[in-house]
Amino acid sequence: MKVALVHDWLIHMRGGEKVLDALAELYPEATIYTLFCDRKNISSRLASLEIKTSFLQYFPGIKSYYRWLLPIFPWAIRSVKIGEADLVISSSHCVAKGIRVPENAFHVCYCHTPMRYLWGFQDVYFNRTLAPVRFLINGALHFLRRWDLGTNSRVDLFVANSYYIKKRIKTVYQRDAVVVYPPLDTEFFIAKDRSQLEFGVPRETAGGTCDFYLAVSHFVPYKRLDPVIEAFNGLERRLVIIGSGPLASYYQKLRKSERISFWGGVSDEELLKAYSEARALVFPTEEDFGIVPLEAQACGTPVIAFRKGGALETVKSGVFFDAQTPEAIRSAVLRFEGQRFDPQEVAGKVQEFGREHFLAVMKKTIDSHYTVRGVTA
């Protein structure tokens, strides 16, 4: 069976790319199709496969400005021609599901979210733009919505990454979806022995371990790191922020407390250490699923999360807050410090999200639906 894997773009290894990596493990002979790619920044498994890109690959420095090319993405993905394929699996949060599918191929769309730029989050992304530019953007978004809805007929099966996204798929696309949670690497993200440490209170005797709160995020508007920074400006607590992105300079200017530090991008090993030594992860995002809270919990670290979106399905240990405001976050931190969490229990509650579970359920889901068409995967 010839398999094509489709992804929007491949320039880093975040949650969506980790799903693609797992799909590549399921189908190791697959060819990958994407808008543009940087092999240096993706997993060795993905980099070892044949990768075919669109004409955007030849735009110099595209990684620094690709978001401004959104209006031409439909043409770009349509320019990518899939060769012979029996099964096409698109890992899509933008335009990947709109690729041209061979006539007899079965198309499974693993939907991370209906395109956020179009459906319900426009203000978050574009509210900083000037009015004349926003007028042009609104015109482009109208076209993109029509195009996005028109591509649904090319999808035979939608798979959602959470029940939250299953509902959004139904609302936006009027399509049903099967839920398969993304894979958590429970062999890498593991809880260390912290039997001498207690969560929820300062530990002067712990040699500095677990004396900080942690935020891990790409620096884009919808992640809402700004109220976290503002909250910790007014708290006598350390905050470590890991990540990078277009809002980096803006976030730096928001920092007023010397207890807040930016570590930038870090290696997987450094991220594991940060997860393992943090008092709690602060997660302020209305996320589609959110692999970061699971990674933290797998390391035994509880989560202080915004009570909306995928966090309601993934945060098993921690506390919630109900508004993306500094006041709500400060209150949640103080409530958290009045509770206790055992690291091993925290880690144990998220083992159901492991990679092996994803591989088994995803394969079973594809096989069962593919058979309906008279072919066995």
Protein backbone atom coordinates (compact mmCIF):
# COMPACT_ATOMS: atom_id res chain seq x y z
CA MET A 1 0.00 0.00 0.00
CA LYS A 2 1.37 3.40 -0.99
CA VAL A 3 0.91 6.08 1.65
CA ALA A 4 1.26 9.87 1.42
CA LEU A 5 1.64 11.98 4.56
CA VAL A 6 0.78 15.67 4.28
CA HIS A 7 1.70 18.42 6.76
CA ASP A 8 1.32 22.19 6.53
CA TRP A 9 5.02 23.05 6.97
CA LEU A 10 8.01 21.35 8.56
CA ILE A 11 10.38 23.79 10.23
CA HIS A 12 10.33 22.65 13.88
CA MET A 13 9.21 19.78 16.12
CA ARG A 14 6.14 20.83 18.08
CA GLY A 15 2.92 18.96 18.83
CA GLY A 16 1.71 18.62 15.25
CA GLU A 17 5.10 17.47 14.02
CA LYS A 18 5.25 14.86 16.77
CA VAL A 19 1.95 13.47 15.45
CA LEU A 20 3.46 13.36 11.97
CA ASP A 21 6.52 11.58 13.36
CA ALA A 22 4.27 8.91 14.90
CA LEU A 23 2.40 8.52 11.61
CA ALA A 24 5.76 8.05 9.91
CA GLU A 25 6.47 5.25 12.36
CA LEU A 26 3.17 3.61 11.35
CA TYR A 27 3.99 4.02 7.65
CA PRO A 28 7.79 4.04 7.32
CA GLU A 29 7.73 3.88 3.51
CA ALA A 30 5.50 6.94 3.15
CA THR A 31 6.34 10.07 1.21
CA ILE A 32 5.82 13.41 2.96
CA TYR A 33 4.25 16.39 1.17
CA THR A 34 4.46 19.87 2.69
CA LEU A 35 4.56 23.58 1.79
CA PHE A 36 8.18 24.07 2.88
CA CYS A 37 10.68 22.26 5.03
CA ASP A 38 13.87 22.64 7.07
CA ARG A 39 15.35 19.18 7.52
CA LYS A 40 17.80 20.42 10.15
CA ASN A 41 14.99 21.19 12.59
CA ILE A 42 12.88 18.05 12.33
CA SER A 43 13.25 14.54 13.73
CA SER A 44 15.67 12.09 12.16
CA ARG A 45 12.74 9.81 11.28
CA LEU A 46 11.01 12.56 9.28
CA ALA A 47 14.23 13.79 7.73
CA SER A 48 15.03 10.28 6.50
CA LEU A 49 11.85 10.10 4.40
CA GLU A 50 11.33 11.49 0.93
CA ILE A 51 9.91 15.00 1.36
CA LYS A 52 8.28 16.92 -1.49
CA THR A 53 7.58 20.64 -1.13
CA SER A 54 5.72 23.45 -2.89
CA PHE A 55 7.23 26.41 -4.72
CA LEU A 56 7.37 28.23 -1.36
CA GLN A 57 10.45 26.16 -0.54
CA TYR A 58 12.42 28.40 -2.90
CA PHE A 59 11.44 31.67 -1.21
CA PRO A 60 14.58 32.95 0.60
CA GLY A 61 14.18 33.21 4.36
CA ILE A 62 10.57 32.05 4.28
CA LYS A 63 10.64 30.91 7.91
CA SER A 64 10.72 34.52 9.07
CA TYR A 65 7.68 35.78 7.14
CA TYR A 66 5.57 32.80 6.00
CA ARG A 67 2.57 33.88 8.11
CA TRP A 68 2.10 36.85 5.78
CA LEU A 69 1.77 34.46 2.84
CA LEU A 70 -1.40 32.85 4.18
CA PRO A 71 -3.59 34.09 1.26
CA ILE A 72 -1.47 32.16 -1.26
CA PHE A 73 -1.27 28.95 0.76
CA PRO A 74 -4.28 27.39 -1.05
CA TRP A 75 -2.49 27.75 -4.39
CA ALA A 76 0.75 26.52 -2.87
CA ILE A 77 -0.75 23.33 -1.41
CA ARG A 78 -2.63 22.68 -4.66
CA SER A 79 0.68 22.93 -6.52
CA VAL A 80 2.03 19.95 -4.57
CA LYS A 81 1.25 16.89 -6.60
CA ILE A 82 0.91 13.55 -4.85
CA GLY A 83 2.14 10.67 -6.94
CA GLU A 84 0.47 7.30 -6.83
CA ALA A 85 -1.11 6.72 -3.40
CA ASP A 86 -3.73 4.44 -1.89
CA LEU A 87 -3.93 6.26 1.46
CA VAL A 88 -3.42 9.98 2.11
CA ILE A 89 -3.16 11.18 5.71
CA SER A 90 -3.11 14.95 6.14
CA SER A 91 -1.93 16.34 9.46
CA SER A 92 -3.65 19.70 9.19
CA HIS A 93 -4.11 22.89 11.15
CA CYS A 94 -3.99 25.16 8.13
CA VAL A 95 -4.22 24.06 4.48
CA ALA A 96 -2.81 20.52 4.38
CA LYS A 97 -6.24 18.93 4.01
CA GLY A 98 -6.76 20.90 0.78
CA ILE A 99 -4.06 19.04 -1.15
CA ARG A 100 -5.04 17.34 -4.45
CA VAL A 101 -5.79 13.71 -3.60
CA PRO A 102 -5.41 10.96 -6.23
CA GLU A 103 -8.80 9.85 -7.50
CA ASN A 104 -8.93 6.42 -5.83
CA ALA A 105 -7.04 7.31 -2.65
CA PHE A 106 -8.68 7.29 0.78
CA HIS A 107 -8.08 10.62 2.55
CA VAL A 108 -7.85 10.76 6.35
CA CYS A 109 -7.47 14.22 7.85
CA TYR A 110 -5.94 14.28 11.32
CA CYS A 111 -7.30 17.71 12.23
CA HIS A 112 -5.40 19.62 14.91
CA THR A 113 -7.98 22.40 14.54
CA PRO A 114 -10.12 24.08 11.90
CA MET A 115 -7.88 26.94 10.75
CA ARG A 116 -7.62 29.29 13.72
CA TYR A 117 -6.95 32.33 11.55
CA LEU A 118 -10.39 31.89 9.98
CA TRP A 119 -12.73 30.43 12.57
CA GLY A 120 -13.14 32.37 15.81
CA PHE A 121 -9.63 33.62 16.57
CA GLN A 122 -9.19 36.37 13.96
CA ASP A 123 -9.10 39.15 16.57
CA VAL A 124 -6.34 37.42 18.51
CA TYR A 125 -4.12 37.20 15.43
CA PHE A 126 -4.90 40.47 13.68
CA ASN A 127 -6.03 42.99 16.30
CA ARG A 128 -2.60 44.68 16.26
CA THR A 129 -2.79 45.53 12.56
CA LEU A 130 -3.76 48.95 11.23
CA ALA A 131 -7.35 49.46 10.05
CA PRO A 132 -6.54 49.63 6.28
CA VAL A 133 -4.47 46.45 6.52
CA ARG A 134 -7.21 44.79 8.56
CA PHE A 135 -9.69 45.60 5.79
CA LEU A 136 -7.49 43.77 3.27
CA ILE A 137 -7.02 40.89 5.69
CA ASN A 138 -10.79 40.51 6.16
CA GLY A 139 -11.21 40.23 2.39
CA ALA A 140 -8.55 37.52 2.22
CA LEU A 141 -10.11 35.66 5.14
CA HIS A 142 -13.50 35.64 3.40
CA PHE A 143 -11.92 33.93 0.39
CA LEU A 144 -10.01 31.49 2.60
CA ARG A 145 -13.15 30.48 4.51
CA ARG A 146 -14.91 29.60 1.26
CA TRP A 147 -11.87 27.65 0.09
CA ASP A 148 -11.48 25.85 3.44
CA LEU A 149 -15.11 24.71 3.45
CA GLY A 150 -14.83 23.61 -0.17
CA THR A 151 -11.96 21.24 0.60
CA ASN A 152 -14.04 19.19 3.06
CA SER A 153 -15.51 17.08 0.28
CA ARG A 154 -12.03 15.69 -0.40
CA VAL A 155 -11.78 14.26 3.14
CA ASP A 156 -13.17 10.75 3.67
CA LEU A 157 -12.52 10.60 7.42
CA PHE A 158 -11.84 13.34 9.98
CA VAL A 159 -9.84 12.40 13.06
CA ALA A 160 -9.83 15.04 15.81
CA ASN A 161 -7.06 15.45 18.35
CA SER A 162 -9.55 16.07 21.19
CA TYR A 163 -13.27 16.19 21.92
CA TYR A 164 -12.94 19.97 21.95
CA ILE A 165 -11.78 19.89 18.32
CA LYS A 166 -14.38 17.25 17.44
CA LYS A 167 -17.02 19.82 18.44
CA ARG A 168 -15.30 22.56 16.42
CA ILE A 169 -15.15 20.30 13.35
CA LYS A 170 -18.88 19.69 13.69
CA THR A 171 -19.61 23.40 14.14
CA VAL A 172 -17.37 24.69 11.36
CA TYR A 173 -17.34 21.85 8.81
CA GLN A 174 -20.61 20.07 9.65
CA ARG A 175 -18.67 16.79 9.73
CA ASP A 176 -18.36 14.06 12.35
CA ALA A 177 -14.92 13.05 13.59
CA VAL A 178 -13.27 10.22 15.49
CA VAL A 179 -11.12 11.33 18.44
CA VAL A 180 -7.56 10.01 18.73
CA TYR A 181 -5.39 11.86 21.25
CA PRO A 182 -1.89 12.87 20.06
CA PRO A 183 1.09 10.81 21.27
CA LEU A 184 2.92 11.61 24.48
CA ASP A 185 6.48 10.30 24.72
CA THR A 186 6.17 8.60 28.09
CA GLU A 187 9.55 6.91 27.65
CA PHE A 188 11.39 10.22 27.49
CA PHE A 189 9.22 12.40 29.74
CA ILE A 190 9.35 10.50 33.03
CA ALA A 191 9.03 11.53 36.67
CA LYS A 192 12.27 11.59 38.60
CA ASP A 193 12.48 10.50 42.22
CA ARG A 194 11.48 13.63 44.12
CA SER A 195 10.48 11.90 47.33
CA GLN A 196 12.37 14.50 49.36
CA LEU A 197 10.44 17.35 47.82
CA GLU A 198 6.94 18.62 48.40
CA PHE A 199 4.93 20.47 45.81
CA GLY A 200 3.02 23.61 46.58
CA VAL A 201 5.34 25.28 49.10
CA PRO A 202 8.71 27.09 48.85
CA ARG A 203 11.67 24.82 49.56
CA GLU A 204 14.71 26.66 50.87
CA THR A 205 16.31 23.29 51.70
CA ALA A 206 15.99 21.85 48.21
CA GLY A 207 19.13 23.47 46.81
CA GLY A 208 17.13 25.57 44.37
CA THR A 209 15.28 22.63 42.87
CA CYS A 210 11.58 23.22 42.25
CA ASP A 211 11.79 26.88 43.26
CA PHE A 212 10.40 28.22 39.97
CA TYR A 213 7.24 28.15 37.89
CA LEU A 214 7.51 27.31 34.22
CA ALA A 215 5.85 28.43 30.98
CA VAL A 216 6.64 26.66 27.70
CA SER A 217 5.21 28.15 24.54
CA HIS A 218 5.67 29.51 21.05
CA PHE A 219 5.53 33.30 21.24
CA VAL A 220 2.39 33.99 19.18
CA PRO A 221 -0.74 35.95 20.19
CA TYR A 222 -3.21 33.15 20.97
CA LYS A 223 -0.82 31.50 23.44
CA ARG A 224 -1.50 34.47 25.81
CA LEU A 225 1.79 34.61 27.67
CA ASP A 226 1.27 38.31 28.34
CA PRO A 227 -1.05 37.88 31.37
CA VAL A 228 1.36 35.30 32.80
CA ILE A 229 4.26 37.76 32.64
CA GLU A 230 2.09 40.51 34.11
CA ALA A 231 0.92 38.18 36.89
CA PHE A 232 4.47 37.27 37.90
CA ASN A 233 5.54 40.91 37.77
CA GLY A 234 3.43 41.21 40.91
CA LEU A 235 4.40 37.93 42.57
CA GLU A 236 7.48 37.18 44.64
CA ARG A 237 8.01 34.00 42.62
CA ARG A 238 10.46 32.91 39.95
CA LEU A 239 9.10 32.32 36.45
CA VAL A 240 11.11 30.60 33.70
CA ILE A 241 9.81 31.04 30.15
CA ILE A 242 10.97 28.63 27.45
CA GLY A 243 10.22 29.35 23.82
CA SER A 244 10.64 31.82 20.98
CA GLY A 245 8.60 33.50 18.29
CA PRO A 246 7.52 36.80 16.75
CA LEU A 247 6.35 38.33 20.05
CA ALA A 248 9.70 37.84 21.82
CA SER A 249 10.62 41.53 22.01
CA TYR A 250 7.10 42.45 23.16
CA TYR A 251 7.25 39.92 25.98
CA GLN A 252 10.70 41.15 27.02
CA LYS A 253 9.30 44.66 27.37
CA LEU A 254 6.44 43.39 29.55
CA ARG A 255 8.88 41.96 32.09
CA LYS A 256 9.26 44.19 35.15
CA SER A 257 10.53 41.63 37.66
CA GLU A 258 14.08 40.28 37.78
CA ARG A 259 12.56 36.97 38.91
CA ILE A 260 11.28 36.38 35.37
CA SER A 261 13.81 34.85 32.99
CA PHE A 262 13.65 33.90 29.31
CA TRP A 263 15.60 30.80 28.33
CA GLY A 264 14.77 30.88 24.61
CA GLY A 265 14.70 27.61 22.72
CA VAL A 266 16.22 24.67 24.57
CA SER A 267 17.20 21.09 23.77
CA ASP A 268 14.88 18.20 24.62
CA GLU A 269 17.17 17.28 27.52
CA GLU A 270 17.05 20.81 28.91
CA LEU A 271 13.28 20.88 28.53
CA LEU A 272 13.01 17.58 30.40
CA LYS A 273 15.13 19.03 33.23
CA ALA A 274 13.00 22.17 33.39
CA TYR A 275 9.77 20.15 33.53
CA SER A 276 11.22 17.92 36.23
CA GLU A 277 12.41 20.76 38.48
CA ALA A 278 9.53 23.22 38.13
CA ARG A 279 6.99 23.70 40.92
CA ALA A 280 4.21 23.86 38.31
CA LEU A 281 3.65 24.57 34.65
CA VAL A 282 1.56 27.69 33.98
CA PHE A 283 -0.60 27.13 30.90
CA PRO A 284 -2.74 30.17 29.93
CA THR A 285 -3.80 29.04 26.45
CA GLU A 286 -7.15 28.03 25.01
CA GLU A 287 -5.41 25.20 23.21
CA ASP A 288 -6.81 22.71 20.73
CA PHE A 289 -5.18 19.87 22.65
CA GLY A 290 -1.91 20.94 24.21
CA ILE A 291 0.94 18.45 24.48
CA VAL A 292 2.95 20.68 26.85
CA PRO A 293 0.74 20.08 29.94
CA LEU A 294 0.99 16.33 29.32
CA GLU A 295 4.77 16.46 29.04
CA ALA A 296 4.98 18.37 32.32
CA GLN A 297 2.65 15.95 34.12
CA ALA A 298 4.55 12.95 32.75
CA CYS A 299 7.56 14.45 34.54
CA GLY A 300 5.54 14.64 37.76
CA THR A 301 4.82 18.37 37.56
CA PRO A 302 1.26 19.65 38.07
CA VAL A 303 -0.32 22.34 35.88
CA ILE A 304 -1.99 25.70 36.54
CA ALA A 305 -4.23 25.98 33.48
CA PHE A 306 -6.87 28.13 31.82
CA ARG A 307 -10.18 26.29 32.15
CA LYS A 308 -11.01 26.02 28.46
CA GLY A 309 -10.15 24.01 25.36
CA GLY A 310 -8.00 20.91 25.35
CA ALA A 311 -6.68 21.50 28.88
CA LEU A 312 -10.01 20.22 30.22
CA GLU A 313 -9.08 16.83 28.73
CA THR A 314 -5.34 16.78 29.44
CA VAL A 315 -4.81 18.44 32.83
CA LYS A 316 -5.30 15.67 35.38
CA SER A 317 -3.32 17.23 38.25
CA GLY A 318 -3.29 20.90 39.16
CA VAL A 319 -5.64 23.87 39.41
CA PHE A 320 -7.64 25.87 36.87
CA PHE A 321 -8.35 29.59 36.44
CA ASP A 322 -11.31 31.03 34.56
CA ALA A 323 -10.00 34.19 32.88
CA GLN A 324 -6.85 35.01 30.93
CA THR A 325 -5.98 37.89 33.26
CA PRO A 326 -3.03 38.59 35.60
CA GLU A 327 -5.39 38.66 38.59
CA ALA A 328 -6.86 35.23 37.81
CA ILE A 329 -3.41 33.72 37.31
CA ARG A 330 -2.03 35.20 40.54
CA SER A 331 -5.03 33.84 42.44
CA ALA A 332 -4.54 30.39 40.89
CA VAL A 333 -0.86 30.33 41.87
CA LEU A 334 -1.75 31.10 45.48
CA ARG A 335 -4.48 28.44 45.49
CA PHE A 336 -2.02 25.96 44.03
CA GLU A 337 0.43 26.64 46.85
CA GLY A 338 -2.17 25.50 49.35
CA GLN A 339 -2.28 22.01 47.83
CA ARG A 340 0.00 18.97 47.64
CA PHE A 341 0.73 16.76 44.63
CA ASP A 342 2.71 13.54 44.59
CA PRO A 343 4.97 13.44 41.49
CA GLN A 344 4.46 9.75 40.83
CA GLU A 345 0.68 10.08 41.05
CA VAL A 346 0.81 13.09 38.72
CA ALA A 347 2.79 11.10 36.17
CA GLY A 348 0.63 8.00 36.53
CA LYS A 349 -2.54 9.84 35.54
CA VAL A 350 -1.30 10.66 32.01
CA GLN A 351 0.14 7.31 30.92
CA GLU A 352 -2.99 6.67 28.83
CA PHE A 353 -1.72 9.29 26.37
CA GLY A 354 1.42 7.31 25.52
CA ARG A 355 2.79 6.92 22.01
CA GLU A 356 2.08 3.19 21.80
CA HIS A 357 -1.57 3.86 22.57
CA PHE A 358 -1.72 6.45 19.79
CA LEU A 359 -0.12 4.07 17.27
CA ALA A 360 -2.52 1.26 18.11
CA VAL A 361 -5.69 3.38 18.10
CA MET A 362 -4.75 5.33 14.98
CA LYS A 363 -3.96 2.17 13.02
CA LYS A 364 -7.20 0.52 14.15
CA THR A 365 -9.20 3.64 13.24
CA ILE A 366 -7.72 3.85 9.75
CA ASP A 367 -8.06 0.13 9.11
CA SER A 368 -11.69 -0.04 10.20
CA HIS A 369 -12.79 2.90 8.04
CA TYR A 370 -10.61 1.99 5.10
CA THR A 371 -12.19 -1.45 4.95
CA VAL A 372 -15.59 0.16 4.40
CA ARG A 373 -14.35 1.13 0.93
CA GLY A 374 -13.56 -2.49 0.15
CA VAL A 375 -9.82 -2.32 0.71
CA THR A 376 -7.85 -3.50 3.74
CA ALA A 377 -5.13 -1.15 4.95
